[in-house]
Structures are given as structure tokens and as C-alpha cells.
Amino acid sequence: MIDLDRQGDVFTMTLNAGENRWNTTFVRAIDEVLSEVEASTGPAALVTTSASEKFFSNGLDLDWVQDPDAHPAAGDRAAFGPEFMGLMSRIMTFPVPTICAVNGHAFGAGFMSALCHDLRFMRADRGFMCANEMQIGLSIPSPELALFKHKLPASVFFETVQLAKRWTGPAAQTAGFVEQVGDVEGLLGMAQARAAQLAPLAANRENYGGQKQRLFGENAAINDVHGAAYMLANSDKYSH
């Protein structure tokens, strides 16, 4: 379901469950792999991609959500919400650099997981990233809206969450939330090369992960009620 490989300082996590739809079993499998990466020491970076060239992740496992008893292998339906959200938080604050190589469609929860990574690479020729909840009659939870607001430029936030815009790789790169685009054959290699460049940042895991917590965690600087000018003028109040 989830494959993990390591070459030098770069771990590659490959989602290998067909359309990679999100259910409790899928969440727990990824969480287990992340624990293996986090148990490493020294420089490291993580690249996430999919074994499918059509789907990076096709979002929530809707068949299971609608009839959990018919899909027991997908896991405990009641546990999914908090465990999925917790996993997204873990990826967002993971103490090594993370790059998502989006080599197929990333819809809903799949798009959300891509945004939780530090950087995104995407296919230039095919595939969309889309928060498609509005299209399928779902409301985006407030924590997910906060994620989108943190990770997307202000000019594209509304189009993404309210109008369910489908972003191609080139359009997402122009919008500023995808760093590089490339052909499907070279995409993973590009992401791995970038990951190798960033891996030394994780030599000090406490520092790398700790600053992510100050960016995105409780009482985060970018959420503070005071403006940046006030914070700069009163920097003694913001020691960490």
C-alpha cells in the first residue's frame, strides 16, 4: 500500500493503492512510514509520489464513507476524521524537508496532503490539483481552510476553495504554490534532486521541525493578532 525507499539522504514514499483514496487503513499505513523516516538521524528529506501515473490521490474513499460495513479493510470509520487531520498536521510540521511529486490528479484530500508538504512538483502535461468539495456537495472543514489559506497565495485562495478551480501544473507554478513542473518521466528525479539539496537542513531536526511549529502550530507567528511591525518593535515578547 505504501512503499519506502532510501537513496543517500533522500527517502521516497510511494503511494501504491491504486487511486490512493483516503480511509483509516491508508492513514495508518502512511503514519507508520513517517515514523520510520523520523526515526532516522542526520541529514534527510522526504519525497512523496504515487505509483499511478493517473492519480496522485483521488481524494476521500467515498464508497467506504457511504457504506463502511461493505468495506471492512478500509478500517474504522469513526476513527478517520481525527486520525486523518492529525496526519496532515504531522506532515505539515514534519522535522525534515518534504517534497510532493504530484504525478497525477490530486483531488480533495489528495490536494490537501500535497499542500501539507514543504514544496510541490507537478506534471506539466496532465493532471489537476483541485479542492473539489463544493462540486461533490461537501463543506471544507475550518482546519482545512486554514491550511489552504496558509499555503496558497491570497489571489488564488478563493478560486481554489470556493470555486473549486482545477489547477494544471503550469498554472499552479504561475500561481506560486508549485515550485517546478516537468514531464512524468523526469518528475520524480527532479524532486529527489531538490530533496538532496534540502536534506542538510534536517541535520538539526529540533530546529527544522521547531520552526515549522512556530509557523503553523499553536499561537503561530503568522496567526498573531498583532502586525509584523509591532512584533518587530517588541521582539523581546516573542522569544521562543
C-alpha atoms as a PDB file:
ATOM      1  CA  MET A   1       0.000   0.000   0.000  1.00  0.00           C
ATOM      2  CA  ILE A   2       2.857   2.376   0.902  1.00  0.00           C
ATOM      3  CA  ASP A   3       6.431   1.751  -0.264  1.00  0.00           C
ATOM      4  CA  LEU A   4       9.511   3.400   1.239  1.00  0.00           C
ATOM      5  CA  ASP A   5      12.936   3.615  -0.349  1.00  0.00           C
ATOM      6  CA  ARG A   6      16.090   5.428   0.704  1.00  0.00           C
ATOM      7  CA  GLN A   7      18.897   6.639  -1.526  1.00  0.00           C
ATOM      8  CA  GLY A   8      21.527   8.568   0.398  1.00  0.00           C
ATOM      9  CA  ASP A   9      19.790  11.257   2.421  1.00  0.00           C
ATOM     10  CA  VAL A  10      16.550  11.089   0.421  1.00  0.00           C
ATOM     11  CA  PHE A  11      13.591   8.932   1.422  1.00  0.00           C
ATOM     12  CA  THR A  12      10.938   8.303  -1.235  1.00  0.00           C
ATOM     13  CA  MET A  13       7.448   7.325  -0.085  1.00  0.00           C
ATOM     14  CA  THR A  14       5.350   5.894  -2.907  1.00  0.00           C
ATOM     15  CA  LEU A  15       1.583   5.668  -2.503  1.00  0.00           C
ATOM     16  CA  ASN A  16       0.693   2.330  -4.051  1.00  0.00           C
ATOM     17  CA  ALA A  17      -3.027   1.759  -3.514  1.00  0.00           C
ATOM     18  CA  GLY A  18      -4.494   2.374  -6.958  1.00  0.00           C
ATOM     19  CA  GLU A  19      -6.312   5.714  -6.809  1.00  0.00           C
ATOM     20  CA  ASN A  20      -4.845   6.241  -3.323  1.00  0.00           C
ATOM     21  CA  ARG A  21      -8.155   7.128  -1.756  1.00  0.00           C
ATOM     22  CA  TRP A  22      -8.110   8.131   1.883  1.00  0.00           C
ATOM     23  CA  ASN A  23      -9.505   5.847   4.562  1.00  0.00           C
ATOM     24  CA  THR A  24      -8.324   4.881   8.034  1.00  0.00           C
ATOM     25  CA  THR A  25      -6.157   2.000   6.853  1.00  0.00           C
ATOM     26  CA  PHE A  26      -4.411   4.275   4.347  1.00  0.00           C
ATOM     27  CA  VAL A  27      -3.833   6.952   7.008  1.00  0.00           C
ATOM     28  CA  ARG A  28      -2.287   4.476   9.426  1.00  0.00           C
ATOM     29  CA  ALA A  29      -0.023   2.985   6.765  1.00  0.00           C
ATOM     30  CA  ILE A  30       1.386   6.417   5.921  1.00  0.00           C
ATOM     31  CA  ASP A  31       1.760   7.304   9.587  1.00  0.00           C
ATOM     32  CA  GLU A  32       3.825   4.156  10.114  1.00  0.00           C
ATOM     33  CA  VAL A  33       6.145   5.052   7.231  1.00  0.00           C
ATOM     34  CA  LEU A  34       6.587   8.589   8.558  1.00  0.00           C
ATOM     35  CA  SER A  35       7.653   7.143  11.896  1.00  0.00           C
ATOM     36  CA  GLU A  36      10.348   5.140  10.123  1.00  0.00           C
ATOM     37  CA  VAL A  37      11.644   8.266   8.391  1.00  0.00           C
ATOM     38  CA  GLU A  38      11.520  10.294  11.590  1.00  0.00           C
ATOM     39  CA  ALA A  39      13.495   7.613  13.448  1.00  0.00           C
ATOM     40  CA  SER A  40      16.471   8.279  11.169  1.00  0.00           C
ATOM     41  CA  THR A  41      19.225  10.668  12.200  1.00  0.00           C
ATOM     42  CA  GLY A  42      21.271  13.266  10.393  1.00  0.00           C
ATOM     43  CA  PRO A  43      20.506  14.992   7.093  1.00  0.00           C
ATOM     44  CA  ALA A  44      17.338  13.729   5.417  1.00  0.00           C
ATOM     45  CA  ALA A  45      14.462  14.738   3.173  1.00  0.00           C
ATOM     46  CA  LEU A  46      11.247  13.028   2.122  1.00  0.00           C
ATOM     47  CA  VAL A  47       9.703  12.851  -1.349  1.00  0.00           C
ATOM     48  CA  THR A  48       6.114  11.624  -1.687  1.00  0.00           C
ATOM     49  CA  THR A  49       4.776  10.357  -5.013  1.00  0.00           C
ATOM     50  CA  SER A  50       2.335   7.822  -6.444  1.00  0.00           C
ATOM     51  CA  ALA A  51       2.830   4.529  -8.252  1.00  0.00           C
ATOM     52  CA  SER A  52      -0.053   5.551 -10.541  1.00  0.00           C
ATOM     53  CA  GLU A  53       0.571   7.966 -13.393  1.00  0.00           C
ATOM     54  CA  LYS A  54      -3.137   8.862 -13.474  1.00  0.00           C
ATOM     55  CA  PHE A  55      -3.824   9.567  -9.813  1.00  0.00           C
ATOM     56  CA  PHE A  56      -1.589  11.001  -7.157  1.00  0.00           C
ATOM     57  CA  SER A  57      -4.647  10.713  -4.915  1.00  0.00           C
ATOM     58  CA  ASN A  58      -8.307  10.776  -5.890  1.00  0.00           C
ATOM     59  CA  GLY A  59      -9.427  12.042  -2.504  1.00  0.00           C
ATOM     60  CA  LEU A  60     -11.662  10.544   0.146  1.00  0.00           C
ATOM     61  CA  ASP A  61     -12.742   6.905  -0.138  1.00  0.00           C
ATOM     62  CA  LEU A  62     -16.390   7.812  -0.750  1.00  0.00           C
ATOM     63  CA  ASP A  63     -17.635   4.230  -1.196  1.00  0.00           C
ATOM     64  CA  TRP A  64     -16.302   3.386   2.256  1.00  0.00           C
ATOM     65  CA  VAL A  65     -17.669   6.592   3.798  1.00  0.00           C
ATOM     66  CA  GLN A  66     -21.136   5.849   2.441  1.00  0.00           C
ATOM     67  CA  ASP A  67     -21.125   2.178   3.462  1.00  0.00           C
ATOM     68  CA  PRO A  68     -18.283   1.340   5.869  1.00  0.00           C
ATOM     69  CA  ASP A  69     -19.611  -2.144   6.633  1.00  0.00           C
ATOM     70  CA  ALA A  70     -19.205  -3.125   2.990  1.00  0.00           C
ATOM     71  CA  HIS A  71     -15.507  -2.176   3.039  1.00  0.00           C
ATOM     72  CA  PRO A  72     -14.058  -3.513   6.310  1.00  0.00           C
ATOM     73  CA  ALA A  73     -10.478  -3.486   5.000  1.00  0.00           C
ATOM     74  CA  ALA A  74     -10.619   0.315   4.886  1.00  0.00           C
ATOM     75  CA  GLY A  75     -10.685   0.468   8.678  1.00  0.00           C
ATOM     76  CA  ASP A  76     -12.636   2.136  11.468  1.00  0.00           C
ATOM     77  CA  ARG A  77     -14.842   4.882  10.012  1.00  0.00           C
ATOM     78  CA  ALA A  78     -15.279   6.627  13.370  1.00  0.00           C
ATOM     79  CA  ALA A  79     -11.514   6.994  13.784  1.00  0.00           C
ATOM     80  CA  PHE A  80     -10.897   8.519  10.376  1.00  0.00           C
ATOM     81  CA  GLY A  81     -11.595  12.218  10.962  1.00  0.00           C
ATOM     82  CA  PRO A  82      -9.231  12.908  13.854  1.00  0.00           C
ATOM     83  CA  GLU A  83      -6.557  10.499  12.579  1.00  0.00           C
ATOM     84  CA  PHE A  84      -6.561  11.997   9.080  1.00  0.00           C
ATOM     85  CA  MET A  85      -6.399  15.562  10.383  1.00  0.00           C
ATOM     86  CA  GLY A  86      -3.650  14.547  12.791  1.00  0.00           C
ATOM     87  CA  LEU A  87      -1.648  13.021   9.949  1.00  0.00           C
ATOM     88  CA  MET A  88      -1.978  16.193   7.881  1.00  0.00           C
ATOM     89  CA  SER A  89      -0.672  18.180  10.849  1.00  0.00           C
ATOM     90  CA  ARG A  90       2.213  15.759  11.196  1.00  0.00           C
ATOM     91  CA  ILE A  91       3.201  16.137   7.543  1.00  0.00           C
ATOM     92  CA  MET A  92       2.885  19.919   7.759  1.00  0.00           C
ATOM     93  CA  THR A  93       5.298  20.083  10.713  1.00  0.00           C
ATOM     94  CA  PHE A  94       7.495  17.112   9.786  1.00  0.00           C
ATOM     95  CA  PRO A  95      11.075  17.729  11.006  1.00  0.00           C
ATOM     96  CA  VAL A  96      12.736  17.087   7.634  1.00  0.00           C
ATOM     97  CA  PRO A  97      12.167  18.849   4.287  1.00  0.00           C
ATOM     98  CA  THR A  98       9.244  17.336   2.379  1.00  0.00           C
ATOM     99  CA  ILE A  99       8.528  17.483  -1.337  1.00  0.00           C
ATOM    100  CA  CYS A 100       5.395  16.177  -3.035  1.00  0.00           C
ATOM    101  CA  ALA A 101       5.874  14.946  -6.616  1.00  0.00           C
ATOM    102  CA  VAL A 102       2.301  15.174  -7.922  1.00  0.00           C
ATOM    103  CA  ASN A 103       2.404  12.875 -10.941  1.00  0.00           C
ATOM    104  CA  GLY A 104      -1.369  12.553 -11.433  1.00  0.00           C
ATOM    105  CA  HIS A 105      -4.666  14.042 -10.303  1.00  0.00           C
ATOM    106  CA  ALA A 106      -4.762  15.276  -6.696  1.00  0.00           C
ATOM    107  CA  PHE A 107      -8.345  15.946  -5.611  1.00  0.00           C
ATOM    108  CA  GLY A 108      -9.816  16.865  -2.234  1.00  0.00           C
ATOM    109  CA  ALA A 109      -7.866  15.112   0.499  1.00  0.00           C
ATOM    110  CA  GLY A 110      -5.156  14.328  -2.052  1.00  0.00           C
ATOM    111  CA  PHE A 111      -4.683  18.017  -2.801  1.00  0.00           C
ATOM    112  CA  MET A 112      -4.738  18.760   0.914  1.00  0.00           C
ATOM    113  CA  SER A 113      -1.958  16.240   1.564  1.00  0.00           C
ATOM    114  CA  ALA A 114       0.155  17.757  -1.220  1.00  0.00           C
ATOM    115  CA  LEU A 115      -0.214  21.205   0.321  1.00  0.00           C
ATOM    116  CA  CYS A 116       0.976  19.903   3.683  1.00  0.00           C
ATOM    117  CA  HIS A 117       4.402  19.253   2.152  1.00  0.00           C
ATOM    118  CA  ASP A 118       7.047  21.971   2.128  1.00  0.00           C
ATOM    119  CA  LEU A 119       7.263  22.056  -1.679  1.00  0.00           C
ATOM    120  CA  ARG A 120       5.319  20.671  -4.620  1.00  0.00           C
ATOM    121  CA  PHE A 121       6.466  19.481  -8.046  1.00  0.00           C
ATOM    122  CA  MET A 122       3.836  18.627 -10.664  1.00  0.00           C
ATOM    123  CA  ARG A 123       3.428  17.126 -14.112  1.00  0.00           C
ATOM    124  CA  ALA A 124       3.341  19.709 -16.868  1.00  0.00           C
ATOM    125  CA  ASP A 125       1.277  17.760 -19.390  1.00  0.00           C
ATOM    126  CA  ARG A 126      -1.569  16.121 -17.457  1.00  0.00           C
ATOM    127  CA  GLY A 127      -3.308  16.118 -14.103  1.00  0.00           C
ATOM    128  CA  PHE A 128      -5.135  18.610 -11.919  1.00  0.00           C
ATOM    129  CA  MET A 129      -4.981  19.692  -8.309  1.00  0.00           C
ATOM    130  CA  CYS A 130      -8.398  20.665  -7.019  1.00  0.00           C
ATOM    131  CA  ALA A 131     -10.299  21.171  -3.786  1.00  0.00           C
ATOM    132  CA  ASN A 132     -13.433  19.590  -5.220  1.00  0.00           C
ATOM    133  CA  GLU A 133     -15.570  19.565  -2.067  1.00  0.00           C
ATOM    134  CA  MET A 134     -18.014  22.148  -3.456  1.00  0.00           C
ATOM    135  CA  GLN A 135     -18.504  20.045  -6.565  1.00  0.00           C
ATOM    136  CA  ILE A 136     -19.463  16.964  -4.568  1.00  0.00           C
ATOM    137  CA  GLY A 137     -21.638  18.773  -2.022  1.00  0.00           C
ATOM    138  CA  LEU A 138     -19.247  18.807   0.920  1.00  0.00           C
ATOM    139  CA  SER A 139     -18.191  21.700   3.131  1.00  0.00           C
ATOM    140  CA  ILE A 140     -14.482  22.201   3.702  1.00  0.00           C
ATOM    141  CA  PRO A 141     -13.690  21.904   7.439  1.00  0.00           C
ATOM    142  CA  SER A 142     -12.239  25.016   9.056  1.00  0.00           C
ATOM    143  CA  PRO A 143      -8.828  23.430   9.795  1.00  0.00           C
ATOM    144  CA  GLU A 144      -8.522  22.557   6.114  1.00  0.00           C
ATOM    145  CA  LEU A 145      -9.496  26.109   5.115  1.00  0.00           C
ATOM    146  CA  ALA A 146      -6.737  27.355   7.414  1.00  0.00           C
ATOM    147  CA  LEU A 147      -4.262  25.058   5.670  1.00  0.00           C
ATOM    148  CA  PHE A 148      -5.272  26.366   2.250  1.00  0.00           C
ATOM    149  CA  LYS A 149      -5.000  29.960   3.455  1.00  0.00           C
ATOM    150  CA  HIS A 150      -1.509  29.341   4.829  1.00  0.00           C
ATOM    151  CA  LYS A 151      -0.216  27.533   1.756  1.00  0.00           C
ATOM    152  CA  LEU A 152      -1.905  29.339  -1.144  1.00  0.00           C
ATOM    153  CA  PRO A 153      -1.288  32.894  -2.320  1.00  0.00           C
ATOM    154  CA  ALA A 154      -4.163  35.185  -1.391  1.00  0.00           C
ATOM    155  CA  SER A 155      -5.008  35.782  -5.043  1.00  0.00           C
ATOM    156  CA  VAL A 156      -5.818  32.108  -5.653  1.00  0.00           C
ATOM    157  CA  PHE A 157      -7.260  31.096  -2.272  1.00  0.00           C
ATOM    158  CA  PHE A 158     -10.898  31.988  -3.033  1.00  0.00           C
ATOM    159  CA  GLU A 159     -10.825  30.452  -6.501  1.00  0.00           C
ATOM    160  CA  THR A 160      -9.484  27.239  -5.003  1.00  0.00           C
ATOM    161  CA  VAL A 161     -11.741  26.690  -2.000  1.00  0.00           C
ATOM    162  CA  GLN A 162     -14.958  28.365  -3.132  1.00  0.00           C
ATOM    163  CA  LEU A 163     -14.963  27.975  -6.916  1.00  0.00           C
ATOM    164  CA  ALA A 164     -13.258  24.566  -6.989  1.00  0.00           C
ATOM    165  CA  LYS A 165     -10.806  25.667  -9.661  1.00  0.00           C
ATOM    166  CA  ARG A 166      -8.779  22.875 -11.225  1.00  0.00           C
ATOM    167  CA  TRP A 167      -5.104  23.750 -11.349  1.00  0.00           C
ATOM    168  CA  THR A 168      -2.794  22.361 -14.006  1.00  0.00           C
ATOM    169  CA  GLY A 169       0.893  22.124 -13.244  1.00  0.00           C
ATOM    170  CA  PRO A 170       1.903  25.212 -15.272  1.00  0.00           C
ATOM    171  CA  ALA A 171      -0.974  27.267 -13.833  1.00  0.00           C
ATOM    172  CA  ALA A 172      -0.122  26.197 -10.282  1.00  0.00           C
ATOM    173  CA  GLN A 173       3.512  27.119 -10.864  1.00  0.00           C
ATOM    174  CA  THR A 174       2.499  30.544 -12.151  1.00  0.00           C
ATOM    175  CA  ALA A 175       0.178  30.958  -9.151  1.00  0.00           C
ATOM    176  CA  GLY A 176       3.107  30.241  -6.850  1.00  0.00           C
ATOM    177  CA  PHE A 177       2.239  27.046  -4.990  1.00  0.00           C
ATOM    178  CA  VAL A 178       4.128  24.605  -7.229  1.00  0.00           C
ATOM    179  CA  GLU A 179       7.890  25.095  -7.433  1.00  0.00           C
ATOM    180  CA  GLN A 180       8.675  23.134 -10.594  1.00  0.00           C
ATOM    181  CA  VAL A 181       6.856  21.258 -13.356  1.00  0.00           C
ATOM    182  CA  GLY A 182       8.205  18.563 -15.635  1.00  0.00           C
ATOM    183  CA  ASP A 183       7.375  15.530 -17.737  1.00  0.00           C
ATOM    184  CA  VAL A 184       6.215  12.394 -15.989  1.00  0.00           C
ATOM    185  CA  GLU A 185       9.441  10.519 -16.726  1.00  0.00           C
ATOM    186  CA  GLY A 186      11.631  13.132 -15.082  1.00  0.00           C
ATOM    187  CA  LEU A 187       9.392  14.465 -12.323  1.00  0.00           C
ATOM    188  CA  LEU A 188      10.469  12.133  -9.539  1.00  0.00           C
ATOM    189  CA  GLY A 189      14.145  12.598 -10.329  1.00  0.00           C
ATOM    190  CA  MET A 190      13.709  16.376 -10.221  1.00  0.00           C
ATOM    191  CA  ALA A 191      12.000  16.151  -6.838  1.00  0.00           C
ATOM    192  CA  GLN A 192      14.656  13.806  -5.463  1.00  0.00           C
ATOM    193  CA  ALA A 193      17.450  16.106  -6.641  1.00  0.00           C
ATOM    194  CA  ARG A 194      15.794  19.055  -4.894  1.00  0.00           C
ATOM    195  CA  ALA A 195      15.301  16.933  -1.783  1.00  0.00           C
ATOM    196  CA  ALA A 196      19.019  16.090  -1.730  1.00  0.00           C
ATOM    197  CA  GLN A 197      19.787  19.823  -1.810  1.00  0.00           C
ATOM    198  CA  LEU A 198      17.483  20.458   1.152  1.00  0.00           C
ATOM    199  CA  ALA A 199      18.397  17.397   3.250  1.00  0.00           C
ATOM    200  CA  PRO A 200      21.182  19.169   5.203  1.00  0.00           C
ATOM    201  CA  LEU A 201      18.540  21.460   6.730  1.00  0.00           C
ATOM    202  CA  ALA A 202      17.331  18.455   8.726  1.00  0.00           C
ATOM    203  CA  ALA A 203      20.672  17.769  10.379  1.00  0.00           C
ATOM    204  CA  ASN A 204      19.146  19.672  13.297  1.00  0.00           C
ATOM    205  CA  ARG A 205      15.678  18.118  13.439  1.00  0.00           C
ATOM    206  CA  GLU A 206      14.669  20.090  16.525  1.00  0.00           C
ATOM    207  CA  ASN A 207      15.370  23.371  14.795  1.00  0.00           C
ATOM    208  CA  TYR A 208      13.807  22.456  11.442  1.00  0.00           C
ATOM    209  CA  GLY A 209      10.661  20.972  12.950  1.00  0.00           C
ATOM    210  CA  GLY A 210      10.506  23.574  15.711  1.00  0.00           C
ATOM    211  CA  GLN A 211      10.348  26.471  13.285  1.00  0.00           C
ATOM    212  CA  LYS A 212       7.530  24.749  11.401  1.00  0.00           C
ATOM    213  CA  GLN A 213       5.666  24.591  14.698  1.00  0.00           C
ATOM    214  CA  ARG A 214       6.160  28.343  15.106  1.00  0.00           C
ATOM    215  CA  LEU A 215       4.902  28.868  11.566  1.00  0.00           C
ATOM    216  CA  PHE A 216       1.877  26.601  11.722  1.00  0.00           C
ATOM    217  CA  GLY A 217       1.329  25.440  15.321  1.00  0.00           C
ATOM    218  CA  GLU A 218      -0.396  26.893  18.370  1.00  0.00           C
ATOM    219  CA  ASN A 219      -0.031  30.677  18.670  1.00  0.00           C
ATOM    220  CA  ALA A 220       1.860  30.723  15.380  1.00  0.00           C
ATOM    221  CA  ALA A 221       3.571  33.946  14.407  1.00  0.00           C
ATOM    222  CA  ILE A 222       1.667  34.228  11.130  1.00  0.00           C
ATOM    223  CA  ASN A 223      -1.629  33.956  13.028  1.00  0.00           C
ATOM    224  CA  ASP A 224      -0.783  36.502  15.701  1.00  0.00           C
ATOM    225  CA  VAL A 225      -3.291  39.265  16.389  1.00  0.00           C
ATOM    226  CA  HIS A 226      -0.530  41.864  16.157  1.00  0.00           C
ATOM    227  CA  GLY A 227       1.031  43.073  12.935  1.00  0.00           C
ATOM    228  CA  ALA A 228       4.591  42.349  11.890  1.00  0.00           C
ATOM    229  CA  ALA A 229       5.737  45.916  12.615  1.00  0.00           C
ATOM    230  CA  TYR A 230       4.517  45.665  16.219  1.00  0.00           C
ATOM    231  CA  MET A 231       6.148  42.267  16.655  1.00  0.00           C
ATOM    232  CA  LEU A 232       9.449  43.547  15.287  1.00  0.00           C
ATOM    233  CA  ALA A 233       9.380  46.575  17.577  1.00  0.00           C
ATOM    234  CA  ASN A 234       8.594  44.328  20.560  1.00  0.00           C
ATOM    235  CA  SER A 235      10.698  41.332  19.671  1.00  0.00           C
ATOM    236  CA  ASP A 236      11.524  40.633  23.338  1.00  0.00           C
ATOM    237  CA  LYS A 237       7.925  39.447  23.757  1.00  0.00           C
ATOM    238  CA  TYR A 238       8.336  36.771  21.079  1.00  0.00           C
ATOM    239  CA  SER A 239      11.350  34.753  22.213  1.00  0.00           C
ATOM    240  CA  HIS A 240      10.955  31.032  21.689  1.00  0.00           C
END
